[in-house]
PDB file of N, CA and C in Angstrom:
ATOM      1  N   MET A   1     148.540  92.470 107.956  1.00  0.00           N
ATOM      2  CA  MET A   1     148.257  91.062 107.974  1.00  0.00           C
ATOM      3  C   MET A   1     147.032  90.786 108.851  1.00  0.00           C
ATOM      4  N   ALA A   2     146.978  91.408 110.015  1.00  0.00           N
ATOM      5  CA  ALA A   2     145.849  91.182 110.922  1.00  0.00           C
ATOM      6  C   ALA A   2     144.552  91.675 110.298  1.00  0.00           C
ATOM      7  N   ALA A   3     144.611  92.816 109.628  1.00  0.00           N
ATOM      8  CA  ALA A   3     143.404  93.361 108.995  1.00  0.00           C
ATOM      9  C   ALA A   3     142.913  92.441 107.885  1.00  0.00           C
ATOM     10  N   THR A   4     143.824  91.905 107.098  1.00  0.00           N
ATOM     11  CA  THR A   4     143.454  90.982 106.029  1.00  0.00           C
ATOM     12  C   THR A   4     142.813  89.727 106.596  1.00  0.00           C
ATOM     13  N   ARG A   5     143.434  89.161 107.620  1.00  0.00           N
ATOM     14  CA  ARG A   5     142.881  87.944 108.221  1.00  0.00           C
ATOM     15  C   ARG A   5     141.547  88.221 108.896  1.00  0.00           C
ATOM     16  N   ALA A   6     141.388  89.416 109.457  1.00  0.00           N
ATOM     17  CA  ALA A   6     140.134  89.747 110.140  1.00  0.00           C
ATOM     18  C   ALA A   6     138.984  89.854 109.146  1.00  0.00           C
ATOM     19  N   THR A   7     139.276  90.307 107.920  1.00  0.00           N
ATOM     20  CA  THR A   7     138.200  90.475 106.944  1.00  0.00           C
ATOM     21  C   THR A   7     138.056  89.283 106.002  1.00  0.00           C
ATOM     22  N   ASP A   8     139.169  88.657 105.623  1.00  0.00           N
ATOM     23  CA  ASP A   8     139.133  87.578 104.635  1.00  0.00           C
ATOM     24  C   ASP A   8     139.347  86.191 105.225  1.00  0.00           C
ATOM     25  N   GLY A   9     139.893  86.138 106.424  1.00  0.00           N
ATOM     26  CA  GLY A   9     140.252  84.854 107.012  1.00  0.00           C
ATOM     27  C   GLY A   9     139.163  84.283 107.886  1.00  0.00           C
ATOM     28  N   PRO A  10     139.498  83.191 108.556  1.00  0.00           N
ATOM     29  CA  PRO A  10     138.532  82.541 109.442  1.00  0.00           C
ATOM     30  C   PRO A  10     138.259  83.380 110.678  1.00  0.00           C
ATOM     31  N   ASP A  11     137.164  83.108 111.315  1.00  0.00           N
ATOM     32  CA  ASP A  11     136.792  83.787 112.550  1.00  0.00           C
ATOM     33  C   ASP A  11     137.783  83.397 113.645  1.00  0.00           C
ATOM     34  N   PRO A  12     138.439  84.383 114.311  1.00  0.00           N
ATOM     35  CA  PRO A  12     139.408  84.056 115.362  1.00  0.00           C
ATOM     36  C   PRO A  12     138.814  83.222 116.489  1.00  0.00           C
ATOM     37  N   VAL A  13     137.527  83.313 116.702  1.00  0.00           N
ATOM     38  CA  VAL A  13     136.894  82.556 117.775  1.00  0.00           C
ATOM     39  C   VAL A  13     136.943  81.061 117.490  1.00  0.00           C
ATOM     40  N   SER A  14     137.036  80.676 116.204  1.00  0.00           N
ATOM     41  CA  SER A  14     137.080  79.252 115.867  1.00  0.00           C
ATOM     42  C   SER A  14     138.444  78.628 116.140  1.00  0.00           C
ATOM     43  N   TYR A  15     139.469  79.460 116.348  1.00  0.00           N
ATOM     44  CA  TYR A  15     140.796  78.947 116.674  1.00  0.00           C
ATOM     45  C   TYR A  15     140.922  78.805 118.178  1.00  0.00           C
ATOM     46  N   THR A  16     141.541  77.743 118.622  1.00  0.00           N
ATOM     47  CA  THR A  16     141.697  77.582 120.064  1.00  0.00           C
ATOM     48  C   THR A  16     143.088  77.978 120.528  1.00  0.00           C
ATOM     49  N   HIS A  17     144.144  77.412 119.969  1.00  0.00           N
ATOM     50  CA  HIS A  17     145.482  77.752 120.436  1.00  0.00           C
ATOM     51  C   HIS A  17     146.539  77.253 119.455  1.00  0.00           C
ATOM     52  N   LEU A  18     147.752  77.746 119.678  1.00  0.00           N
ATOM     53  CA  LEU A  18     148.882  77.274 118.889  1.00  0.00           C
ATOM     54  C   LEU A  18     149.295  75.895 119.361  1.00  0.00           C
ATOM     55  N   GLU A  19     149.711  75.074 118.444  1.00  0.00           N
ATOM     56  CA  GLU A  19     150.246  73.765 118.795  1.00  0.00           C
ATOM     57  C   GLU A  19     151.534  73.963 119.597  1.00  0.00           C
ATOM     58  N   ASP A  20     151.827  73.029 120.447  1.00  0.00           N
ATOM     59  CA  ASP A  20     153.036  73.079 121.265  1.00  0.00           C
ATOM     60  C   ASP A  20     153.873  71.851 120.954  1.00  0.00           C
ATOM     61  N   SER A  21     154.984  72.055 120.233  1.00  0.00           N
ATOM     62  CA  SER A  21     155.851  70.927 119.877  1.00  0.00           C
ATOM     63  C   SER A  21     156.774  70.544 121.021  1.00  0.00           C
ATOM     64  N   GLY A  22     156.889  71.421 122.014  1.00  0.00           N
ATOM     65  CA  GLY A  22     157.763  71.157 123.151  1.00  0.00           C
ATOM     66  C   GLY A  22     159.132  71.798 123.025  1.00  0.00           C
ATOM     67  N   GLU A  23     159.479  72.297 121.836  1.00  0.00           N
ATOM     68  CA  GLU A  23     160.800  72.891 121.632  1.00  0.00           C
ATOM     69  C   GLU A  23     160.988  74.168 122.443  1.00  0.00           C
ATOM     70  N   GLY A  24     159.973  75.027 122.455  1.00  0.00           N
ATOM     71  CA  GLY A  24     160.063  76.260 123.240  1.00  0.00           C
ATOM     72  C   GLY A  24     160.162  75.967 124.721  1.00  0.00           C
ATOM     73  N   ARG A  25     159.355  75.026 125.178  1.00  0.00           N
ATOM     74  CA  ARG A  25     159.362  74.617 126.587  1.00  0.00           C
ATOM     75  C   ARG A  25     160.748  74.067 126.964  1.00  0.00           C
ATOM     76  N   TRP A  26     161.294  73.209 126.107  1.00  0.00           N
ATOM     77  CA  TRP A  26     162.617  72.633 126.350  1.00  0.00           C
ATOM     78  C   TRP A  26     163.679  73.729 126.393  1.00  0.00           C
ATOM     79  N   THR A  27     163.600  74.684 125.467  1.00  0.00           N
ATOM     80  CA  THR A  27     164.576  75.768 125.411  1.00  0.00           C
ATOM     81  C   THR A  27     164.541  76.608 126.676  1.00  0.00           C
ATOM     82  N   VAL A  28     163.351  76.930 127.164  1.00  0.00           N
ATOM     83  CA  VAL A  28     163.213  77.730 128.384  1.00  0.00           C
ATOM     84  C   VAL A  28     163.765  76.959 129.583  1.00  0.00           C
ATOM     85  N   ILE A  29     163.441  75.687 129.682  1.00  0.00           N
ATOM     86  CA  ILE A  29     163.944  74.871 130.799  1.00  0.00           C
ATOM     87  C   ILE A  29     165.475  74.786 130.759  1.00  0.00           C
ATOM     88  N   GLU A  30     166.031  74.589 129.566  1.00  0.00           N
ATOM     89  CA  GLU A  30     167.495  74.532 129.429  1.00  0.00           C
ATOM     90  C   GLU A  30     168.124  75.869 129.797  1.00  0.00           C
ATOM     91  N   ALA A  31     167.503  76.965 129.381  1.00  0.00           N
ATOM     92  CA  ALA A  31     168.029  78.297 129.723  1.00  0.00           C
ATOM     93  C   ALA A  31     168.057  78.488 131.236  1.00  0.00           C
ATOM     94  N   ILE A  32     167.002  78.067 131.909  1.00  0.00           N
ATOM     95  CA  ILE A  32     166.954  78.163 133.374  1.00  0.00           C
ATOM     96  C   ILE A  32     168.051  77.298 133.982  1.00  0.00           C
ATOM     97  N   ASP A  33     168.174  76.060 133.520  1.00  0.00           N
ATOM     98  CA  ASP A  33     169.191  75.148 134.056  1.00  0.00           C
ATOM     99  C   ASP A  33     170.611  75.670 133.837  1.00  0.00           C
ATOM    100  N   LEU A  34     170.827  76.378 132.721  1.00  0.00           N
ATOM    101  CA  LEU A  34     172.162  76.905 132.396  1.00  0.00           C
ATOM    102  C   LEU A  34     172.374  78.330 132.910  1.00  0.00           C
ATOM    103  N   ASN A  35     171.348  78.866 133.594  1.00  0.00           N
ATOM    104  CA  ASN A  35     171.412  80.227 134.136  1.00  0.00           C
ATOM    105  C   ASN A  35     171.654  81.262 133.028  1.00  0.00           C
ATOM    106  N   VAL A  36     170.909  81.088 131.929  1.00  0.00           N
ATOM    107  CA  VAL A  36     171.006  81.973 130.776  1.00  0.00           C
ATOM    108  C   VAL A  36     169.655  82.667 130.594  1.00  0.00           C
ATOM    109  N   SER A  37     169.700  83.959 130.366  1.00  0.00           N
ATOM    110  CA  SER A  37     168.472  84.709 130.142  1.00  0.00           C
ATOM    111  C   SER A  37     167.943  84.443 128.734  1.00  0.00           C
ATOM    112  N   ALA A  38     166.645  84.151 128.645  1.00  0.00           N
ATOM    113  CA  ALA A  38     166.001  83.927 127.347  1.00  0.00           C
ATOM    114  C   ALA A  38     164.610  84.557 127.379  1.00  0.00           C
ATOM    115  N   PRO A  39     164.534  85.890 127.562  1.00  0.00           N
ATOM    116  CA  PRO A  39     163.231  86.523 127.774  1.00  0.00           C
ATOM    117  C   PRO A  39     162.285  86.453 126.585  1.00  0.00           C
ATOM    118  N   VAL A  40     162.788  86.540 125.380  1.00  0.00           N
ATOM    119  CA  VAL A  40     161.903  86.533 124.203  1.00  0.00           C
ATOM    120  C   VAL A  40     161.276  85.159 124.018  1.00  0.00           C
ATOM    121  N   ILE A  41     162.081  84.116 124.135  1.00  0.00           N
ATOM    122  CA  ILE A  41     161.556  82.759 123.994  1.00  0.00           C
ATOM    123  C   ILE A  41     160.599  82.436 125.136  1.00  0.00           C
ATOM    124  N   THR A  42     160.947  82.875 126.345  1.00  0.00           N
ATOM    125  CA  THR A  42     160.079  82.635 127.497  1.00  0.00           C
ATOM    126  C   THR A  42     158.737  83.326 127.314  1.00  0.00           C
ATOM    127  N   GLU A  43     158.744  84.578 126.873  1.00  0.00           N
ATOM    128  CA  GLU A  43     157.485  85.301 126.645  1.00  0.00           C
ATOM    129  C   GLU A  43     156.677  84.651 125.531  1.00  0.00           C
ATOM    130  N   SER A  44     157.354  84.182 124.491  1.00  0.00           N
ATOM    131  CA  SER A  44     156.666  83.491 123.404  1.00  0.00           C
ATOM    132  C   SER A  44     155.969  82.235 123.913  1.00  0.00           C
ATOM    133  N   LEU A  45     156.660  81.476 124.765  1.00  0.00           N
ATOM    134  CA  LEU A  45     156.064  80.276 125.351  1.00  0.00           C
ATOM    135  C   LEU A  45     154.861  80.637 126.217  1.00  0.00           C
ATOM    136  N   MET A  46     154.989  81.703 127.000  1.00  0.00           N
ATOM    137  CA  MET A  46     153.881  82.113 127.863  1.00  0.00           C
ATOM    138  C   MET A  46     152.674  82.545 127.024  1.00  0.00           C
ATOM    139  N   ARG A  47     152.907  83.231 125.915  1.00  0.00           N
ATOM    140  CA  ARG A  47     151.806  83.627 125.018  1.00  0.00           C
ATOM    141  C   ARG A  47     151.140  82.397 124.418  1.00  0.00           C
ATOM    142  N   ARG A  48     151.945  81.422 124.042  1.00  0.00           N
ATOM    143  CA  ARG A  48     151.401  80.197 123.461  1.00  0.00           C
ATOM    144  C   ARG A  48     150.504  79.490 124.478  1.00  0.00           C
ATOM    145  N   ILE A  49     150.966  79.412 125.712  1.00  0.00           N
ATOM    146  CA  ILE A  49     150.166  78.782 126.764  1.00  0.00           C
ATOM    147  C   ILE A  49     148.916  79.611 127.029  1.00  0.00           C
ATOM    148  N   ARG A  50     149.083  80.936 127.068  1.00  0.00           N
ATOM    149  CA  ARG A  50     147.937  81.823 127.327  1.00  0.00           C
ATOM    150  C   ARG A  50     146.888  81.748 126.224  1.00  0.00           C
ATOM    151  N   SER A  51     147.296  81.405 125.012  1.00  0.00           N
ATOM    152  CA  SER A  51     146.346  81.323 123.903  1.00  0.00           C
ATOM    153  C   SER A  51     145.321  80.215 124.119  1.00  0.00           C
ATOM    154  N   ARG A  52     145.578  79.325 125.081  1.00  0.00           N
ATOM    155  CA  ARG A  52     144.648  78.232 125.370  1.00  0.00           C
ATOM    156  C   ARG A  52     143.508  78.654 126.286  1.00  0.00           C
ATOM    157  N   GLU A  53     143.617  79.842 126.875  1.00  0.00           N
ATOM    158  CA  GLU A  53     142.560  80.321 127.768  1.00  0.00           C
ATOM    159  C   GLU A  53     141.310  80.653 126.968  1.00  0.00           C
ATOM    160  N   GLN A  54     140.180  80.472 127.581  1.00  0.00           N
ATOM    161  CA  GLN A  54     138.902  80.800 126.946  1.00  0.00           C
ATOM    162  C   GLN A  54     138.783  82.296 126.714  1.00  0.00           C
ATOM    163  N   ASN A  55     138.169  82.660 125.607  1.00  0.00           N
ATOM    164  CA  ASN A  55     137.837  84.056 125.302  1.00  0.00           C
ATOM    165  C   ASN A  55     139.037  84.986 125.325  1.00  0.00           C
ATOM    166  N   ASN A  56     140.180  84.546 124.849  1.00  0.00           N
ATOM    167  CA  ASN A  56     141.368  85.377 124.785  1.00  0.00           C
ATOM    168  C   ASN A  56     141.574  85.810 123.335  1.00  0.00           C
ATOM    169  N   PHE A  57     140.820  86.802 122.916  1.00  0.00           N
ATOM    170  CA  PHE A  57     140.796  87.245 121.526  1.00  0.00           C
ATOM    171  C   PHE A  57     142.173  87.686 121.043  1.00  0.00           C
ATOM    172  N   THR A  58     142.897  88.441 121.865  1.00  0.00           N
ATOM    173  CA  THR A  58     144.206  88.959 121.457  1.00  0.00           C
ATOM    174  C   THR A  58     145.161  87.834 121.094  1.00  0.00           C
ATOM    175  N   ASP A  59     145.261  86.838 121.955  1.00  0.00           N
ATOM    176  CA  ASP A  59     146.194  85.750 121.680  1.00  0.00           C
ATOM    177  C   ASP A  59     145.710  84.854 120.547  1.00  0.00           C
ATOM    178  N   ARG A  60     144.406  84.778 120.357  1.00  0.00           N
ATOM    179  CA  ARG A  60     143.900  84.021 119.203  1.00  0.00           C
ATOM    180  C   ARG A  60     144.267  84.731 117.897  1.00  0.00           C
ATOM    181  N   MET A  61     144.203  86.069 117.892  1.00  0.00           N
ATOM    182  CA  MET A  61     144.631  86.822 116.702  1.00  0.00           C
ATOM    183  C   MET A  61     146.123  86.619 116.460  1.00  0.00           C
ATOM    184  N   LEU A  62     146.929  86.618 117.524  1.00  0.00           N
ATOM    185  CA  LEU A  62     148.357  86.354 117.366  1.00  0.00           C
ATOM    186  C   LEU A  62     148.592  84.959 116.793  1.00  0.00           C
ATOM    187  N   ALA A  63     147.807  83.987 117.250  1.00  0.00           N
ATOM    188  CA  ALA A  63     147.932  82.627 116.724  1.00  0.00           C
ATOM    189  C   ALA A  63     147.629  82.598 115.229  1.00  0.00           C
ATOM    190  N   ILE A  64     146.594  83.310 114.817  1.00  0.00           N
ATOM    191  CA  ILE A  64     146.240  83.364 113.392  1.00  0.00           C
ATOM    192  C   ILE A  64     147.366  84.007 112.592  1.00  0.00           C
ATOM    193  N   MET A  65     147.944  85.101 113.105  1.00  0.00           N
ATOM    194  CA  MET A  65     149.023  85.772 112.391  1.00  0.00           C
ATOM    195  C   MET A  65     150.274  84.896 112.327  1.00  0.00           C
ATOM    196  N   ARG A  66     150.577  84.169 113.416  1.00  0.00           N
ATOM    197  CA  ARG A  66     151.724  83.255 113.376  1.00  0.00           C
ATOM    198  C   ARG A  66     151.494  82.148 112.353  1.00  0.00           C
ATOM    199  N   ASN A  67     150.258  81.699 112.248  1.00  0.00           N
ATOM    200  CA  ASN A  67     149.930  80.685 111.256  1.00  0.00           C
ATOM    201  C   ASN A  67     150.108  81.240 109.853  1.00  0.00           C
ATOM    202  N   GLU A  68     149.632  82.443 109.632  1.00  0.00           N
ATOM    203  CA  GLU A  68     149.724  83.081 108.312  1.00  0.00           C
ATOM    204  C   GLU A  68     151.176  83.377 107.950  1.00  0.00           C
ATOM    205  N   PHE A  69     151.931  83.925 108.869  1.00  0.00           N
ATOM    206  CA  PHE A  69     153.295  84.378 108.588  1.00  0.00           C
ATOM    207  C   PHE A  69     154.301  83.233 108.592  1.00  0.00           C
ATOM    208  N   GLY A  70     154.224  82.384 109.613  1.00  0.00           N
ATOM    209  CA  GLY A  70     155.240  81.360 109.756  1.00  0.00           C
ATOM    210  C   GLY A  70     154.787  79.939 109.534  1.00  0.00           C
ATOM    211  N   GLY A  71     153.492  79.769 109.245  1.00  0.00           N
ATOM    212  CA  GLY A  71     152.981  78.428 109.006  1.00  0.00           C
ATOM    213  C   GLY A  71     152.846  77.577 110.250  1.00  0.00           C
ATOM    214  N   HIS A  72     152.835  78.220 111.431  1.00  0.00           N
ATOM    215  CA  HIS A  72     152.707  77.478 112.685  1.00  0.00           C
ATOM    216  C   HIS A  72     151.322  76.847 112.769  1.00  0.00           C
ATOM    217  N   ALA A  73     151.278  75.596 113.161  1.00  0.00           N
ATOM    218  CA  ALA A  73     150.004  74.879 113.260  1.00  0.00           C
ATOM    219  C   ALA A  73     149.133  75.488 114.356  1.00  0.00           C
ATOM    220  N   VAL A  74     147.846  75.591 114.069  1.00  0.00           N
ATOM    221  CA  VAL A  74     146.884  76.148 115.017  1.00  0.00           C
ATOM    222  C   VAL A  74     145.753  75.154 115.207  1.00  0.00           C
ATOM    223  N   LYS A  75     145.424  74.883 116.448  1.00  0.00           N
ATOM    224  CA  LYS A  75     144.278  74.014 116.756  1.00  0.00           C
ATOM    225  C   LYS A  75     143.003  74.802 116.542  1.00  0.00           C
ATOM    226  N   LYS A  76     141.968  74.156 116.012  1.00  0.00           N
ATOM    227  CA  LYS A  76     140.677  74.783 115.828  1.00  0.00           C
ATOM    228  C   LYS A  76     139.650  74.056 116.669  1.00  0.00           C
ATOM    229  N   ASP A  77     138.568  74.766 117.018  1.00  0.00           N
ATOM    230  CA  ASP A  77     137.474  74.139 117.779  1.00  0.00           C
ATOM    231  C   ASP A  77     136.853  73.035 116.960  1.00  0.00           C
TER     232      ASP A  77
END
């Protein structure tokens, strides 16, 4: 999927970050409040936040793949 998007899809540099609906953030906060471990969701949220950093090619590629695979909205420059 990444190879296809890299050759046929948009330039990853034109994508800025994944949209944040707040559901992941809410889930992580609730997990903390309930003293429940939620490492996968927490890491996913951290990656989403990290995708907003400048020049983060890896997370921009992940954003493109999430958009392609799951239809997640992606902000563009």
